[in-house]
Amino acid sequence: MARESLKAREIKRQKLVDKYADKRAELKKAGDWVGLQKLPLNSNPIRLHNRCKITGRPKGYMRMFGISRINFREMASKGLIPGVKKSSW
């Protein structure tokens, strides 16, 4: 499990990105690069990192489900994800 502080940091970044999205778009459209530089660094969507919603694991993230590959496999085996069935042959 990831530390709670890392999860909280990602949530804080997401809030900043949402807050400044409109202003950032306007400044880009106007070509005001100085104005863009004055915005907080963490308001840039590039700084966001995908993390598992359950454990906070940063690697092995599956975008379609929002969880890591390890949690995906466990949940698929238990039948907790609708439409997904673990195959075996």
C-alpha atoms as a PDB file:
ATOM      1  CA  MET A   1       0.000   0.000   0.000  1.00  0.00           C
ATOM      2  CA  ALA A   2       1.149   3.486  -0.777  1.00  0.00           C
ATOM      3  CA  ARG A   3       1.599   5.976   2.008  1.00  0.00           C
ATOM      4  CA  GLU A   4      -1.428   8.104   2.748  1.00  0.00           C
ATOM      5  CA  SER A   5       0.591  11.256   2.128  1.00  0.00           C
ATOM      6  CA  LEU A   6       1.264  10.209  -1.485  1.00  0.00           C
ATOM      7  CA  LYS A   7      -2.419   9.542  -2.093  1.00  0.00           C
ATOM      8  CA  ALA A   8      -3.316  12.900  -0.534  1.00  0.00           C
ATOM      9  CA  ARG A   9      -0.739  14.680  -2.700  1.00  0.00           C
ATOM     10  CA  GLU A  10      -2.302  13.250  -5.867  1.00  0.00           C
ATOM     11  CA  ILE A  11      -5.773  14.338  -4.741  1.00  0.00           C
ATOM     12  CA  LYS A  12      -4.447  17.846  -4.036  1.00  0.00           C
ATOM     13  CA  ARG A  13      -2.880  17.999  -7.506  1.00  0.00           C
ATOM     14  CA  GLN A  14      -6.143  16.869  -9.124  1.00  0.00           C
ATOM     15  CA  LYS A  15      -8.036  19.654  -7.346  1.00  0.00           C
ATOM     16  CA  LEU A  16      -5.516  22.247  -8.569  1.00  0.00           C
ATOM     17  CA  VAL A  17      -5.751  20.954 -12.134  1.00  0.00           C
ATOM     18  CA  ASP A  18      -9.555  21.192 -12.026  1.00  0.00           C
ATOM     19  CA  LYS A  19      -9.443  24.662 -10.474  1.00  0.00           C
ATOM     20  CA  TYR A  20      -7.112  26.178 -13.076  1.00  0.00           C
ATOM     21  CA  ALA A  21      -8.230  24.244 -16.183  1.00  0.00           C
ATOM     22  CA  ASP A  22     -10.336  27.072 -17.654  1.00  0.00           C
ATOM     23  CA  LYS A  23      -7.783  29.774 -16.895  1.00  0.00           C
ATOM     24  CA  ARG A  24      -4.983  27.635 -18.338  1.00  0.00           C
ATOM     25  CA  ALA A  25      -6.969  27.074 -21.547  1.00  0.00           C
ATOM     26  CA  GLU A  26      -7.633  30.821 -21.930  1.00  0.00           C
ATOM     27  CA  LEU A  27      -3.980  31.712 -21.404  1.00  0.00           C
ATOM     28  CA  LYS A  28      -2.855  29.080 -23.923  1.00  0.00           C
ATOM     29  CA  LYS A  29      -5.360  30.319 -26.485  1.00  0.00           C
ATOM     30  CA  ALA A  30      -4.149  33.912 -26.025  1.00  0.00           C
ATOM     31  CA  GLY A  31      -0.509  32.817 -26.189  1.00  0.00           C
ATOM     32  CA  ASP A  32       0.249  34.396 -22.808  1.00  0.00           C
ATOM     33  CA  TRP A  33       3.212  32.244 -21.774  1.00  0.00           C
ATOM     34  CA  VAL A  34       4.215  34.582 -18.952  1.00  0.00           C
ATOM     35  CA  GLY A  35       0.747  34.247 -17.451  1.00  0.00           C
ATOM     36  CA  LEU A  36       0.993  30.470 -17.713  1.00  0.00           C
ATOM     37  CA  GLN A  37       4.284  30.504 -15.837  1.00  0.00           C
ATOM     38  CA  LYS A  38       2.671  32.376 -12.970  1.00  0.00           C
ATOM     39  CA  LEU A  39       0.153  29.595 -12.356  1.00  0.00           C
ATOM     40  CA  PRO A  40       1.028  26.999  -9.689  1.00  0.00           C
ATOM     41  CA  LEU A  41       3.268  24.204 -10.982  1.00  0.00           C
ATOM     42  CA  ASN A  42       0.918  21.485  -9.796  1.00  0.00           C
ATOM     43  CA  SER A  43      -1.957  22.964 -11.788  1.00  0.00           C
ATOM     44  CA  ASN A  44      -0.431  21.421 -14.913  1.00  0.00           C
ATOM     45  CA  PRO A  45      -2.216  18.146 -15.838  1.00  0.00           C
ATOM     46  CA  ILE A  46       1.129  16.629 -16.876  1.00  0.00           C
ATOM     47  CA  ARG A  47       2.044  16.391 -13.202  1.00  0.00           C
ATOM     48  CA  LEU A  48      -0.831  14.013 -12.427  1.00  0.00           C
ATOM     49  CA  HIS A  49       0.059  10.372 -11.938  1.00  0.00           C
ATOM     50  CA  ASN A  50      -2.389   7.490 -12.228  1.00  0.00           C
ATOM     51  CA  ARG A  51      -2.716   5.510  -9.009  1.00  0.00           C
ATOM     52  CA  CYS A  52      -4.800   2.513  -8.004  1.00  0.00           C
ATOM     53  CA  LYS A  53      -8.012   3.653  -6.322  1.00  0.00           C
ATOM     54  CA  ILE A  54      -7.772   0.870  -3.748  1.00  0.00           C
ATOM     55  CA  THR A  55      -4.103   0.616  -2.773  1.00  0.00           C
ATOM     56  CA  GLY A  56      -2.518   3.724  -4.316  1.00  0.00           C
ATOM     57  CA  ARG A  57      -0.012   1.631  -6.288  1.00  0.00           C
ATOM     58  CA  PRO A  58       1.538   3.795  -9.048  1.00  0.00           C
ATOM     59  CA  LYS A  59       2.745   1.014 -11.341  1.00  0.00           C
ATOM     60  CA  GLY A  60       0.724  -1.560 -13.244  1.00  0.00           C
ATOM     61  CA  TYR A  61      -2.285   0.778 -13.463  1.00  0.00           C
ATOM     62  CA  MET A  62      -5.161  -0.250 -15.736  1.00  0.00           C
ATOM     63  CA  ARG A  63      -6.928   2.871 -17.009  1.00  0.00           C
ATOM     64  CA  MET A  64     -10.100   1.116 -18.045  1.00  0.00           C
ATOM     65  CA  PHE A  65     -10.776  -0.004 -14.471  1.00  0.00           C
ATOM     66  CA  GLY A  66      -8.831   2.529 -12.393  1.00  0.00           C
ATOM     67  CA  ILE A  67      -7.032  -0.147 -10.369  1.00  0.00           C
ATOM     68  CA  SER A  68      -3.678  -1.908 -10.428  1.00  0.00           C
ATOM     69  CA  ARG A  69      -3.118  -5.195 -12.221  1.00  0.00           C
ATOM     70  CA  ILE A  70      -2.809  -7.057  -8.927  1.00  0.00           C
ATOM     71  CA  ASN A  71      -6.171  -5.875  -7.601  1.00  0.00           C
ATOM     72  CA  PHE A  72      -7.701  -6.441 -11.021  1.00  0.00           C
ATOM     73  CA  ARG A  73      -6.605 -10.077 -11.028  1.00  0.00           C
ATOM     74  CA  GLU A  74      -7.909 -10.708  -7.503  1.00  0.00           C
ATOM     75  CA  MET A  75     -11.250  -9.046  -8.206  1.00  0.00           C
ATOM     76  CA  ALA A  76     -11.642 -10.793 -11.565  1.00  0.00           C
ATOM     77  CA  SER A  77     -10.996 -14.169  -9.933  1.00  0.00           C
ATOM     78  CA  LYS A  78     -13.663 -13.461  -7.321  1.00  0.00           C
ATOM     79  CA  GLY A  79     -16.109 -12.240  -9.989  1.00  0.00           C
ATOM     80  CA  LEU A  80     -16.345  -8.719  -8.571  1.00  0.00           C
ATOM     81  CA  ILE A  81     -15.817  -6.937 -11.897  1.00  0.00           C
ATOM     82  CA  PRO A  82     -18.875  -7.130 -14.163  1.00  0.00           C
ATOM     83  CA  GLY A  83     -18.207  -8.474 -17.644  1.00  0.00           C
ATOM     84  CA  VAL A  84     -14.749  -9.826 -16.802  1.00  0.00           C
ATOM     85  CA  LYS A  85     -14.075 -13.518 -16.490  1.00  0.00           C
ATOM     86  CA  LYS A  86     -10.723 -15.103 -15.740  1.00  0.00           C
ATOM     87  CA  SER A  87      -9.860 -17.445 -18.556  1.00  0.00           C
ATOM     88  CA  SER A  88      -8.005 -20.714 -18.205  1.00  0.00           C
ATOM     89  CA  TRP A  89      -7.194 -23.411 -20.736  1.00  0.00           C
END
